[in-house]
Amino acid sequence: MKESLRAFMNGLIDYAGLFPPAKLPLDEAIDDYVMHLKGENSWMLGRFIIPVTKLNELDRFVPLFDEIGTLELAVLGSGGDYNDEYLSKISKDMAKISDYRNKHSGK
């Protein structure tokens, strides 16, 4: 494989096991993600995608990443059907994300 292609694909694919078509429970999704992180193609794997509403459920899984590296996340906000609803939720979502980062910084 050309180095340019490898550089392009490094961390390119985020893991979305919580969402269709897999739609796995959190514990199974984390196990699957860890398995892929330990695999030979782990270099292509990016962040674990999780809704902000499930963020605090990750606490019990943080120790799994001590041996393989940092748990990198892509956190999806709550959204909303209308601008006002979205805007009212986004500051709360950002606060939850910030709290989680502060709680687990350096881990």
PDB file of N, CA and C in Angstrom:
ATOM      1  N   MET A   1       0.846  -1.172   0.000  1.00  0.00           N
ATOM      2  CA  MET A   1       0.000   0.000   0.000  1.00  0.00           C
ATOM      3  C   MET A   1       0.897   1.241   0.000  1.00  0.00           C
ATOM      4  N   LYS A   2       0.523   2.205  -0.811  1.00  0.00           N
ATOM      5  CA  LYS A   2       1.283   3.449  -0.862  1.00  0.00           C
ATOM      6  C   LYS A   2       1.151   4.204   0.454  1.00  0.00           C
ATOM      7  N   GLU A   3       2.235   4.840   0.839  1.00  0.00           N
ATOM      8  CA  GLU A   3       2.240   5.607   2.085  1.00  0.00           C
ATOM      9  C   GLU A   3       1.211   6.728   2.057  1.00  0.00           C
ATOM     10  N   SER A   4       0.982   7.323   0.886  1.00  0.00           N
ATOM     11  CA  SER A   4       0.002   8.413   0.796  1.00  0.00           C
ATOM     12  C   SER A   4      -1.406   7.899   1.075  1.00  0.00           C
ATOM     13  N   LEU A   5      -1.731   6.707   0.572  1.00  0.00           N
ATOM     14  CA  LEU A   5      -3.047   6.122   0.826  1.00  0.00           C
ATOM     15  C   LEU A   5      -3.178   5.748   2.298  1.00  0.00           C
ATOM     16  N   ARG A   6      -2.133   5.186   2.847  1.00  0.00           N
ATOM     17  CA  ARG A   6      -2.164   4.821   4.268  1.00  0.00           C
ATOM     18  C   ARG A   6      -2.328   6.071   5.141  1.00  0.00           C
ATOM     19  N   ALA A   7      -1.643   7.126   4.801  1.00  0.00           N
ATOM     20  CA  ALA A   7      -1.767   8.373   5.564  1.00  0.00           C
ATOM     21  C   ALA A   7      -3.185   8.921   5.464  1.00  0.00           C
ATOM     22  N   PHE A   8      -3.770   8.842   4.281  1.00  0.00           N
ATOM     23  CA  PHE A   8      -5.142   9.315   4.082  1.00  0.00           C
ATOM     24  C   PHE A   8      -6.132   8.495   4.906  1.00  0.00           C
ATOM     25  N   MET A   9      -5.937   7.180   4.937  1.00  0.00           N
ATOM     26  CA  MET A   9      -6.897   6.289   5.591  1.00  0.00           C
ATOM     27  C   MET A   9      -6.663   6.128   7.093  1.00  0.00           C
ATOM     28  N   ASN A  10      -5.573   6.661   7.600  1.00  0.00           N
ATOM     29  CA  ASN A  10      -5.265   6.535   9.021  1.00  0.00           C
ATOM     30  C   ASN A  10      -6.360   7.183   9.875  1.00  0.00           C
ATOM     31  N   GLY A  11      -7.074   6.370  10.662  1.00  0.00           N
ATOM     32  CA  GLY A  11      -8.138   6.863  11.536  1.00  0.00           C
ATOM     33  C   GLY A  11      -9.371   7.356  10.805  1.00  0.00           C
ATOM     34  N   LEU A  12      -9.521   6.987   9.548  1.00  0.00           N
ATOM     35  CA  LEU A  12     -10.603   7.501   8.700  1.00  0.00           C
ATOM     36  C   LEU A  12     -11.986   7.002   9.090  1.00  0.00           C
ATOM     37  N   ILE A  13     -12.082   5.778   9.584  1.00  0.00           N
ATOM     38  CA  ILE A  13     -13.387   5.153   9.811  1.00  0.00           C
ATOM     39  C   ILE A  13     -13.757   5.217  11.287  1.00  0.00           C
ATOM     40  N   ASP A  14     -14.761   6.017  11.586  1.00  0.00           N
ATOM     41  CA  ASP A  14     -15.278   6.073  12.953  1.00  0.00           C
ATOM     42  C   ASP A  14     -16.201   4.884  13.184  1.00  0.00           C
ATOM     43  N   TYR A  15     -16.260   4.422  14.423  1.00  0.00           N
ATOM     44  CA  TYR A  15     -17.044   3.239  14.776  1.00  0.00           C
ATOM     45  C   TYR A  15     -18.430   3.661  15.253  1.00  0.00           C
ATOM     46  N   ALA A  16     -19.463   3.177  14.561  1.00  0.00           N
ATOM     47  CA  ALA A  16     -20.853   3.556  14.866  1.00  0.00           C
ATOM     48  C   ALA A  16     -21.698   2.345  15.223  1.00  0.00           C
ATOM     49  N   GLY A  17     -21.172   1.443  16.031  1.00  0.00           N
ATOM     50  CA  GLY A  17     -21.869   0.207  16.376  1.00  0.00           C
ATOM     51  C   GLY A  17     -23.157   0.388  17.160  1.00  0.00           C
ATOM     52  N   LEU A  18     -23.354   1.561  17.765  1.00  0.00           N
ATOM     53  CA  LEU A  18     -24.600   1.811  18.505  1.00  0.00           C
ATOM     54  C   LEU A  18     -25.769   2.119  17.572  1.00  0.00           C
ATOM     55  N   PHE A  19     -25.460   2.377  16.316  1.00  0.00           N
ATOM     56  CA  PHE A  19     -26.461   2.833  15.354  1.00  0.00           C
ATOM     57  C   PHE A  19     -26.714   1.771  14.291  1.00  0.00           C
ATOM     58  N   PRO A  20     -27.865   1.882  13.586  1.00  0.00           N
ATOM     59  CA  PRO A  20     -28.153   0.925  12.513  1.00  0.00           C
ATOM     60  C   PRO A  20     -27.021   0.927  11.483  1.00  0.00           C
ATOM     61  N   PRO A  21     -26.732  -0.207  10.887  1.00  0.00           N
ATOM     62  CA  PRO A  21     -27.481  -1.454  10.952  1.00  0.00           C
ATOM     63  C   PRO A  21     -27.139  -2.335  12.159  1.00  0.00           C
ATOM     64  N   ALA A  22     -25.984  -2.127  12.800  1.00  0.00           N
ATOM     65  CA  ALA A  22     -25.610  -3.002  13.926  1.00  0.00           C
ATOM     66  C   ALA A  22     -26.518  -2.781  15.128  1.00  0.00           C
ATOM     67  N   LYS A  23     -26.683  -1.545  15.539  1.00  0.00           N
ATOM     68  CA  LYS A  23     -27.536  -1.152  16.667  1.00  0.00           C
ATOM     69  C   LYS A  23     -27.273  -2.021  17.908  1.00  0.00           C
ATOM     70  N   LEU A  24     -25.997  -2.102  18.286  1.00  0.00           N
ATOM     71  CA  LEU A  24     -25.588  -2.933  19.419  1.00  0.00           C
ATOM     72  C   LEU A  24     -25.826  -2.215  20.738  1.00  0.00           C
ATOM     73  N   PRO A  25     -26.049  -2.982  21.813  1.00  0.00           N
ATOM     74  CA  PRO A  25     -26.050  -2.373  23.152  1.00  0.00           C
ATOM     75  C   PRO A  25     -24.645  -1.829  23.433  1.00  0.00           C
ATOM     76  N   LEU A  26     -24.533  -0.879  24.332  1.00  0.00           N
ATOM     77  CA  LEU A  26     -23.259  -0.212  24.588  1.00  0.00           C
ATOM     78  C   LEU A  26     -22.145  -1.186  24.941  1.00  0.00           C
ATOM     79  N   ASP A  27     -22.407  -2.149  25.809  1.00  0.00           N
ATOM     80  CA  ASP A  27     -21.335  -3.073  26.209  1.00  0.00           C
ATOM     81  C   ASP A  27     -20.823  -3.890  25.028  1.00  0.00           C
ATOM     82  N   GLU A  28     -21.723  -4.342  24.156  1.00  0.00           N
ATOM     83  CA  GLU A  28     -21.300  -5.106  22.978  1.00  0.00           C
ATOM     84  C   GLU A  28     -20.565  -4.218  21.984  1.00  0.00           C
ATOM     85  N   ALA A  29     -21.023  -2.988  21.831  1.00  0.00           N
ATOM     86  CA  ALA A  29     -20.368  -2.058  20.914  1.00  0.00           C
ATOM     87  C   ALA A  29     -18.947  -1.751  21.384  1.00  0.00           C
ATOM     88  N   ILE A  30     -18.776  -1.547  22.676  1.00  0.00           N
ATOM     89  CA  ILE A  30     -17.436  -1.292  23.221  1.00  0.00           C
ATOM     90  C   ILE A  30     -16.542  -2.510  23.024  1.00  0.00           C
ATOM     91  N   ASP A  31     -17.055  -3.701  23.311  1.00  0.00           N
ATOM     92  CA  ASP A  31     -16.268  -4.929  23.108  1.00  0.00           C
ATOM     93  C   ASP A  31     -15.832  -5.065  21.653  1.00  0.00           C
ATOM     94  N   ASP A  32     -16.750  -4.791  20.735  1.00  0.00           N
ATOM     95  CA  ASP A  32     -16.456  -4.885  19.307  1.00  0.00           C
ATOM     96  C   ASP A  32     -15.413  -3.843  18.898  1.00  0.00           C
ATOM     97  N   TYR A  33     -15.562  -2.632  19.402  1.00  0.00           N
ATOM     98  CA  TYR A  33     -14.616  -1.553  19.110  1.00  0.00           C
ATOM     99  C   TYR A  33     -13.214  -1.914  19.614  1.00  0.00           C
ATOM    100  N   VAL A  34     -13.134  -2.424  20.839  1.00  0.00           N
ATOM    101  CA  VAL A  34     -11.845  -2.831  21.405  1.00  0.00           C
ATOM    102  C   VAL A  34     -11.229  -3.951  20.571  1.00  0.00           C
ATOM    103  N   MET A  35     -12.045  -4.912  20.149  1.00  0.00           N
ATOM    104  CA  MET A  35     -11.547  -6.002  19.310  1.00  0.00           C
ATOM    105  C   MET A  35     -10.933  -5.443  18.022  1.00  0.00           C
ATOM    106  N   HIS A  36     -11.623  -4.491  17.404  1.00  0.00           N
ATOM    107  CA  HIS A  36     -11.101  -3.884  16.172  1.00  0.00           C
ATOM    108  C   HIS A  36      -9.841  -3.061  16.442  1.00  0.00           C
ATOM    109  N   LEU A  37      -9.782  -2.395  17.590  1.00  0.00           N
ATOM    110  CA  LEU A  37      -8.584  -1.623  17.939  1.00  0.00           C
ATOM    111  C   LEU A  37      -7.365  -2.516  18.120  1.00  0.00           C
ATOM    112  N   LYS A  38      -7.588  -3.763  18.491  1.00  0.00           N
ATOM    113  CA  LYS A  38      -6.490  -4.711  18.681  1.00  0.00           C
ATOM    114  C   LYS A  38      -6.157  -5.468  17.398  1.00  0.00           C
ATOM    115  N   GLY A  39      -6.952  -5.275  16.354  1.00  0.00           N
ATOM    116  CA  GLY A  39      -6.767  -5.998  15.104  1.00  0.00           C
ATOM    117  C   GLY A  39      -5.695  -5.391  14.210  1.00  0.00           C
ATOM    118  N   GLU A  40      -5.360  -6.115  13.149  1.00  0.00           N
ATOM    119  CA  GLU A  40      -4.280  -5.674  12.260  1.00  0.00           C
ATOM    120  C   GLU A  40      -4.635  -4.430  11.452  1.00  0.00           C
ATOM    121  N   ASN A  41      -5.915  -4.147  11.289  1.00  0.00           N
ATOM    122  CA  ASN A  41      -6.330  -2.960  10.547  1.00  0.00           C
ATOM    123  C   ASN A  41      -6.773  -1.824  11.464  1.00  0.00           C
ATOM    124  N   SER A  42      -6.327  -1.872  12.696  1.00  0.00           N
ATOM    125  CA  SER A  42      -6.744  -0.867  13.680  1.00  0.00           C
ATOM    126  C   SER A  42      -6.335   0.549  13.276  1.00  0.00           C
ATOM    127  N   TRP A  43      -5.303   0.672  12.490  1.00  0.00           N
ATOM    128  CA  TRP A  43      -4.818   1.981  12.067  1.00  0.00           C
ATOM    129  C   TRP A  43      -5.874   2.768  11.285  1.00  0.00           C
ATOM    130  N   MET A  44      -6.840   2.073  10.690  1.00  0.00           N
ATOM    131  CA  MET A  44      -7.909   2.749   9.944  1.00  0.00           C
ATOM    132  C   MET A  44      -9.035   3.228  10.850  1.00  0.00           C
ATOM    133  N   LEU A  45      -9.104   2.669  12.053  1.00  0.00           N
ATOM    134  CA  LEU A  45     -10.228   2.949  12.941  1.00  0.00           C
ATOM    135  C   LEU A  45     -10.050   4.284  13.646  1.00  0.00           C
ATOM    136  N   GLY A  46     -11.124   5.055  13.639  1.00  0.00           N
ATOM    137  CA  GLY A  46     -11.121   6.369  14.282  1.00  0.00           C
ATOM    138  C   GLY A  46     -11.854   6.346  15.610  1.00  0.00           C
ATOM    139  N   ARG A  47     -12.715   7.304  15.782  1.00  0.00           N
ATOM    140  CA  ARG A  47     -13.386   7.525  17.063  1.00  0.00           C
ATOM    141  C   ARG A  47     -14.611   6.626  17.248  1.00  0.00           C
ATOM    142  N   PHE A  48     -14.991   6.470  18.497  1.00  0.00           N
ATOM    143  CA  PHE A  48     -16.212   5.756  18.875  1.00  0.00           C
ATOM    144  C   PHE A  48     -17.334   6.789  18.894  1.00  0.00           C
ATOM    145  N   ILE A  49     -18.363   6.579  18.089  1.00  0.00           N
ATOM    146  CA  ILE A  49     -19.472   7.530  18.007  1.00  0.00           C
ATOM    147  C   ILE A  49     -20.518   7.175  19.057  1.00  0.00           C
ATOM    148  N   ILE A  50     -20.900   8.187  19.839  1.00  0.00           N
ATOM    149  CA  ILE A  50     -21.846   7.969  20.932  1.00  0.00           C
ATOM    150  C   ILE A  50     -22.734   9.198  21.101  1.00  0.00           C
ATOM    151  N   PRO A  51     -24.018   8.978  21.374  1.00  0.00           N
ATOM    152  CA  PRO A  51     -24.883  10.123  21.672  1.00  0.00           C
ATOM    153  C   PRO A  51     -24.544  10.706  23.044  1.00  0.00           C
ATOM    154  N   VAL A  52     -24.702  12.001  23.181  1.00  0.00           N
ATOM    155  CA  VAL A  52     -24.403  12.669  24.449  1.00  0.00           C
ATOM    156  C   VAL A  52     -25.218  12.075  25.597  1.00  0.00           C
ATOM    157  N   THR A  53     -26.385  11.544  25.300  1.00  0.00           N
ATOM    158  CA  THR A  53     -27.251  10.963  26.334  1.00  0.00           C
ATOM    159  C   THR A  53     -26.664   9.691  26.942  1.00  0.00           C
ATOM    160  N   LYS A  54     -25.715   9.051  26.264  1.00  0.00           N
ATOM    161  CA  LYS A  54     -25.097   7.820  26.770  1.00  0.00           C
ATOM    162  C   LYS A  54     -23.681   8.045  27.300  1.00  0.00           C
ATOM    163  N   LEU A  55     -23.233   9.267  27.271  1.00  0.00           N
ATOM    164  CA  LEU A  55     -21.842   9.564  27.602  1.00  0.00           C
ATOM    165  C   LEU A  55     -21.430   9.056  28.983  1.00  0.00           C
ATOM    166  N   ASN A  56     -22.238   9.294  29.988  1.00  0.00           N
ATOM    167  CA  ASN A  56     -21.863   8.865  31.346  1.00  0.00           C
ATOM    168  C   ASN A  56     -21.893   7.355  31.531  1.00  0.00           C
ATOM    169  N   GLU A  57     -22.543   6.636  30.627  1.00  0.00           N
ATOM    170  CA  GLU A  57     -22.537   5.172  30.693  1.00  0.00           C
ATOM    171  C   GLU A  57     -21.168   4.602  30.324  1.00  0.00           C
ATOM    172  N   LEU A  58     -20.302   5.416  29.747  1.00  0.00           N
ATOM    173  CA  LEU A  58     -18.970   4.960  29.346  1.00  0.00           C
ATOM    174  C   LEU A  58     -18.007   4.789  30.513  1.00  0.00           C
ATOM    175  N   ASP A  59     -18.308   5.396  31.647  1.00  0.00           N
ATOM    176  CA  ASP A  59     -17.376   5.384  32.782  1.00  0.00           C
ATOM    177  C   ASP A  59     -16.846   3.991  33.110  1.00  0.00           C
ATOM    178  N   ARG A  60     -17.704   3.012  33.095  1.00  0.00           N
ATOM    179  CA  ARG A  60     -17.275   1.660  33.493  1.00  0.00           C
ATOM    180  C   ARG A  60     -16.359   1.001  32.465  1.00  0.00           C
ATOM    181  N   PHE A  61     -16.298   1.573  31.251  1.00  0.00           N
ATOM    182  CA  PHE A  61     -15.468   0.981  30.200  1.00  0.00           C
ATOM    183  C   PHE A  61     -14.105   1.654  30.057  1.00  0.00           C
ATOM    184  N   VAL A  62     -13.917   2.787  30.697  1.00  0.00           N
ATOM    185  CA  VAL A  62     -12.663   3.533  30.564  1.00  0.00           C
ATOM    186  C   VAL A  62     -11.436   2.674  30.884  1.00  0.00           C
ATOM    187  N   PRO A  63     -11.454   1.830  31.928  1.00  0.00           N
ATOM    188  CA  PRO A  63     -10.272   1.003  32.224  1.00  0.00           C
ATOM    189  C   PRO A  63      -9.865   0.060  31.081  1.00  0.00           C
ATOM    190  N   LEU A  64     -10.786  -0.313  30.218  1.00  0.00           N
ATOM    191  CA  LEU A  64     -10.442  -1.180  29.087  1.00  0.00           C
ATOM    192  C   LEU A  64      -9.414  -0.532  28.169  1.00  0.00           C
ATOM    193  N   PHE A  65      -9.383   0.787  28.164  1.00  0.00           N
ATOM    194  CA  PHE A  65      -8.513   1.494  27.235  1.00  0.00           C
ATOM    195  C   PHE A  65      -7.151   1.822  27.829  1.00  0.00           C
ATOM    196  N   ASP A  66      -6.937   1.474  29.087  1.00  0.00           N
ATOM    197  CA  ASP A  66      -5.639   1.710  29.716  1.00  0.00           C
ATOM    198  C   ASP A  66      -4.522   0.983  28.977  1.00  0.00           C
ATOM    199  N   GLU A  67      -4.805  -0.227  28.519  1.00  0.00           N
ATOM    200  CA  GLU A  67      -3.765  -1.028  27.865  1.00  0.00           C
ATOM    201  C   GLU A  67      -3.625  -0.745  26.380  1.00  0.00           C
ATOM    202  N   ILE A  68      -4.649  -0.174  25.745  1.00  0.00           N
ATOM    203  CA  ILE A  68      -4.574   0.021  24.295  1.00  0.00           C
ATOM    204  C   ILE A  68      -4.551   1.479  23.866  1.00  0.00           C
ATOM    205  N   GLY A  69      -4.668   2.391  24.792  1.00  0.00           N
ATOM    206  CA  GLY A  69      -4.602   3.807  24.438  1.00  0.00           C
ATOM    207  C   GLY A  69      -5.858   4.561  24.813  1.00  0.00           C
ATOM    208  N   THR A  70      -5.923   5.766  24.352  1.00  0.00           N
ATOM    209  CA  THR A  70      -7.010   6.675  24.688  1.00  0.00           C
ATOM    210  C   THR A  70      -8.297   6.311  23.963  1.00  0.00           C
ATOM    211  N   LEU A  71      -9.399   6.459  24.647  1.00  0.00           N
ATOM    212  CA  LEU A  71     -10.717   6.302  24.036  1.00  0.00           C
ATOM    213  C   LEU A  71     -11.068   7.625  23.377  1.00  0.00           C
ATOM    214  N   GLU A  72     -11.063   7.643  22.053  1.00  0.00           N
ATOM    215  CA  GLU A  72     -11.398   8.853  21.308  1.00  0.00           C
ATOM    216  C   GLU A  72     -12.860   8.781  20.914  1.00  0.00           C
ATOM    217  N   LEU A  73     -13.580   9.874  21.169  1.00  0.00           N
ATOM    218  CA  LEU A  73     -15.023   9.896  20.959  1.00  0.00           C
ATOM    219  C   LEU A  73     -15.445  10.929  19.929  1.00  0.00           C
ATOM    220  N   ALA A  74     -16.542  10.629  19.262  1.00  0.00           N
ATOM    221  CA  ALA A  74     -17.304  11.596  18.474  1.00  0.00           C
ATOM    222  C   ALA A  74     -18.673  11.612  19.136  1.00  0.00           C
ATOM    223  N   VAL A  75     -18.990  12.690  19.820  1.00  0.00           N
ATOM    224  CA  VAL A  75     -20.223  12.765  20.604  1.00  0.00           C
ATOM    225  C   VAL A  75     -21.287  13.515  19.812  1.00  0.00           C
ATOM    226  N   LEU A  76     -22.427  12.851  19.625  1.00  0.00           N
ATOM    227  CA  LEU A  76     -23.536  13.456  18.893  1.00  0.00           C
ATOM    228  C   LEU A  76     -24.454  14.183  19.862  1.00  0.00           C
ATOM    229  N   GLY A  77     -24.776  15.415  19.539  1.00  0.00           N
ATOM    230  CA  GLY A  77     -25.662  16.213  20.374  1.00  0.00           C
ATOM    231  C   GLY A  77     -27.102  15.747  20.282  1.00  0.00           C
ATOM    232  N   SER A  78     -27.934  16.344  21.109  1.00  0.00           N
ATOM    233  CA  SER A  78     -29.348  15.967  21.188  1.00  0.00           C
ATOM    234  C   SER A  78     -30.151  16.401  19.976  1.00  0.00           C
ATOM    235  N   GLY A  79     -29.726  17.463  19.309  1.00  0.00           N
ATOM    236  CA  GLY A  79     -30.453  17.951  18.142  1.00  0.00           C
ATOM    237  C   GLY A  79     -31.752  18.619  18.524  1.00  0.00           C
ATOM    238  N   GLY A  80     -32.643  18.694  17.567  1.00  0.00           N
ATOM    239  CA  GLY A  80     -33.938  19.319  17.793  1.00  0.00           C
ATOM    240  C   GLY A  80     -34.670  19.491  16.479  1.00  0.00           C
ATOM    241  N   ASP A  81     -35.967  19.608  16.561  1.00  0.00           N
ATOM    242  CA  ASP A  81     -36.777  19.767  15.355  1.00  0.00           C
ATOM    243  C   ASP A  81     -36.810  21.208  14.855  1.00  0.00           C
ATOM    244  N   TYR A  82     -36.524  22.140  15.739  1.00  0.00           N
ATOM    245  CA  TYR A  82     -36.575  23.558  15.391  1.00  0.00           C
ATOM    246  C   TYR A  82     -35.321  24.243  15.909  1.00  0.00           C
ATOM    247  N   ASN A  83     -34.983  25.382  15.326  1.00  0.00           N
ATOM    248  CA  ASN A  83     -33.779  26.111  15.739  1.00  0.00           C
ATOM    249  C   ASN A  83     -33.756  26.399  17.230  1.00  0.00           C
ATOM    250  N   ASP A  84     -34.861  26.876  17.766  1.00  0.00           N
ATOM    251  CA  ASP A  84     -34.901  27.212  19.191  1.00  0.00           C
ATOM    252  C   ASP A  84     -34.633  25.991  20.064  1.00  0.00           C
ATOM    253  N   GLU A  85     -35.227  24.869  19.685  1.00  0.00           N
ATOM    254  CA  GLU A  85     -35.018  23.635  20.449  1.00  0.00           C
ATOM    255  C   GLU A  85     -33.552  23.207  20.375  1.00  0.00           C
ATOM    256  N   TYR A  86     -32.987  23.243  19.177  1.00  0.00           N
ATOM    257  CA  TYR A  86     -31.592  22.873  18.985  1.00  0.00           C
ATOM    258  C   TYR A  86     -30.673  23.777  19.808  1.00  0.00           C
ATOM    259  N   LEU A  87     -30.905  25.074  19.713  1.00  0.00           N
ATOM    260  CA  LEU A  87     -30.050  26.027  20.420  1.00  0.00           C
ATOM    261  C   LEU A  87     -30.153  25.895  21.933  1.00  0.00           C
ATOM    262  N   SER A  88     -31.324  25.549  22.422  1.00  0.00           N
ATOM    263  CA  SER A  88     -31.465  25.378  23.872  1.00  0.00           C
ATOM    264  C   SER A  88     -30.760  24.114  24.360  1.00  0.00           C
ATOM    265  N   LYS A  89     -30.667  23.114  23.508  1.00  0.00           N
ATOM    266  CA  LYS A  89     -30.017  21.858  23.902  1.00  0.00           C
ATOM    267  C   LYS A  89     -28.503  21.882  23.723  1.00  0.00           C
ATOM    268  N   ILE A  90     -28.025  22.644  22.749  1.00  0.00           N
ATOM    269  CA  ILE A  90     -26.598  22.557  22.424  1.00  0.00           C
ATOM    270  C   ILE A  90     -25.710  23.019  23.578  1.00  0.00           C
ATOM    271  N   SER A  91     -26.119  24.048  24.303  1.00  0.00           N
ATOM    272  CA  SER A  91     -25.278  24.493  25.419  1.00  0.00           C
ATOM    273  C   SER A  91     -25.256  23.452  26.539  1.00  0.00           C
ATOM    274  N   LYS A  92     -26.374  22.778  26.755  1.00  0.00           N
ATOM    275  CA  LYS A  92     -26.414  21.709  27.759  1.00  0.00           C
ATOM    276  C   LYS A  92     -25.550  20.531  27.315  1.00  0.00           C
ATOM    277  N   ASP A  93     -25.641  20.192  26.028  1.00  0.00           N
ATOM    278  CA  ASP A  93     -24.829  19.096  25.495  1.00  0.00           C
ATOM    279  C   ASP A  93     -23.340  19.413  25.618  1.00  0.00           C
ATOM    280  N   MET A  94     -22.960  20.637  25.279  1.00  0.00           N
ATOM    281  CA  MET A  94     -21.553  21.030  25.373  1.00  0.00           C
ATOM    282  C   MET A  94     -21.065  20.986  26.822  1.00  0.00           C
ATOM    283  N   ALA A  95     -21.923  21.352  27.751  1.00  0.00           N
ATOM    284  CA  ALA A  95     -21.554  21.283  29.173  1.00  0.00           C
ATOM    285  C   ALA A  95     -21.334  19.834  29.604  1.00  0.00           C
ATOM    286  N   LYS A  96     -22.199  18.927  29.137  1.00  0.00           N
ATOM    287  CA  LYS A  96     -22.031  17.503  29.469  1.00  0.00           C
ATOM    288  C   LYS A  96     -20.716  16.965  28.904  1.00  0.00           C
ATOM    289  N   ILE A  97     -20.416  17.349  27.677  1.00  0.00           N
ATOM    290  CA  ILE A  97     -19.175  16.898  27.040  1.00  0.00           C
ATOM    291  C   ILE A  97     -17.968  17.455  27.792  1.00  0.00           C
ATOM    292  N   SER A  98     -18.016  18.717  28.139  1.00  0.00           N
ATOM    293  CA  SER A  98     -16.926  19.348  28.882  1.00  0.00           C
ATOM    294  C   SER A  98     -16.729  18.685  30.246  1.00  0.00           C
ATOM    295  N   ASP A  99     -17.815  18.420  30.940  1.00  0.00           N
ATOM    296  CA  ASP A  99     -17.732  17.739  32.240  1.00  0.00           C
ATOM    297  C   ASP A  99     -17.093  16.363  32.093  1.00  0.00           C
ATOM    298  N   TYR A 100     -17.489  15.629  31.056  1.00  0.00           N
ATOM    299  CA  TYR A 100     -16.943  14.294  30.831  1.00  0.00           C
ATOM    300  C   TYR A 100     -15.441  14.375  30.542  1.00  0.00           C
ATOM    301  N   ARG A 101     -15.062  15.315  29.693  1.00  0.00           N
ATOM    302  CA  ARG A 101     -13.638  15.484  29.364  1.00  0.00           C
ATOM    303  C   ARG A 101     -12.830  15.828  30.604  1.00  0.00           C
ATOM    304  N   ASN A 102     -13.344  16.731  31.414  1.00  0.00           N
ATOM    305  CA  ASN A 102     -12.625  17.121  32.633  1.00  0.00           C
ATOM    306  C   ASN A 102     -12.491  15.948  33.601  1.00  0.00           C
ATOM    307  N   LYS A 103     -13.537  15.154  33.689  1.00  0.00           N
ATOM    308  CA  LYS A 103     -13.539  13.993  34.581  1.00  0.00           C
ATOM    309  C   LYS A 103     -12.501  12.958  34.157  1.00  0.00           C
ATOM    310  N   HIS A 104     -12.307  12.822  32.843  1.00  0.00           N
ATOM    311  CA  HIS A 104     -11.438  11.766  32.326  1.00  0.00           C
ATOM    312  C   HIS A 104     -10.174  12.285  31.656  1.00  0.00           C
ATOM    313  N   SER A 105      -9.843  13.535  31.840  1.00  0.00           N
ATOM    314  CA  SER A 105      -8.631  14.049  31.198  1.00  0.00           C
ATOM    315  C   SER A 105      -7.410  13.324  31.752  1.00  0.00           C
ATOM    316  N   GLY A 106      -6.524  12.995  30.849  1.00  0.00           N
ATOM    317  CA  GLY A 106      -5.321  12.281  31.254  1.00  0.00           C
ATOM    318  C   GLY A 106      -5.498  10.790  31.383  1.00  0.00           C
ATOM    319  N   LYS A 107      -6.672  10.277  31.045  1.00  0.00           N
ATOM    320  CA  LYS A 107      -6.908   8.828  31.145  1.00  0.00           C
ATOM    321  C   LYS A 107      -6.944   8.216  29.773  1.00  0.00           C
TER     322      LYS A 107
END
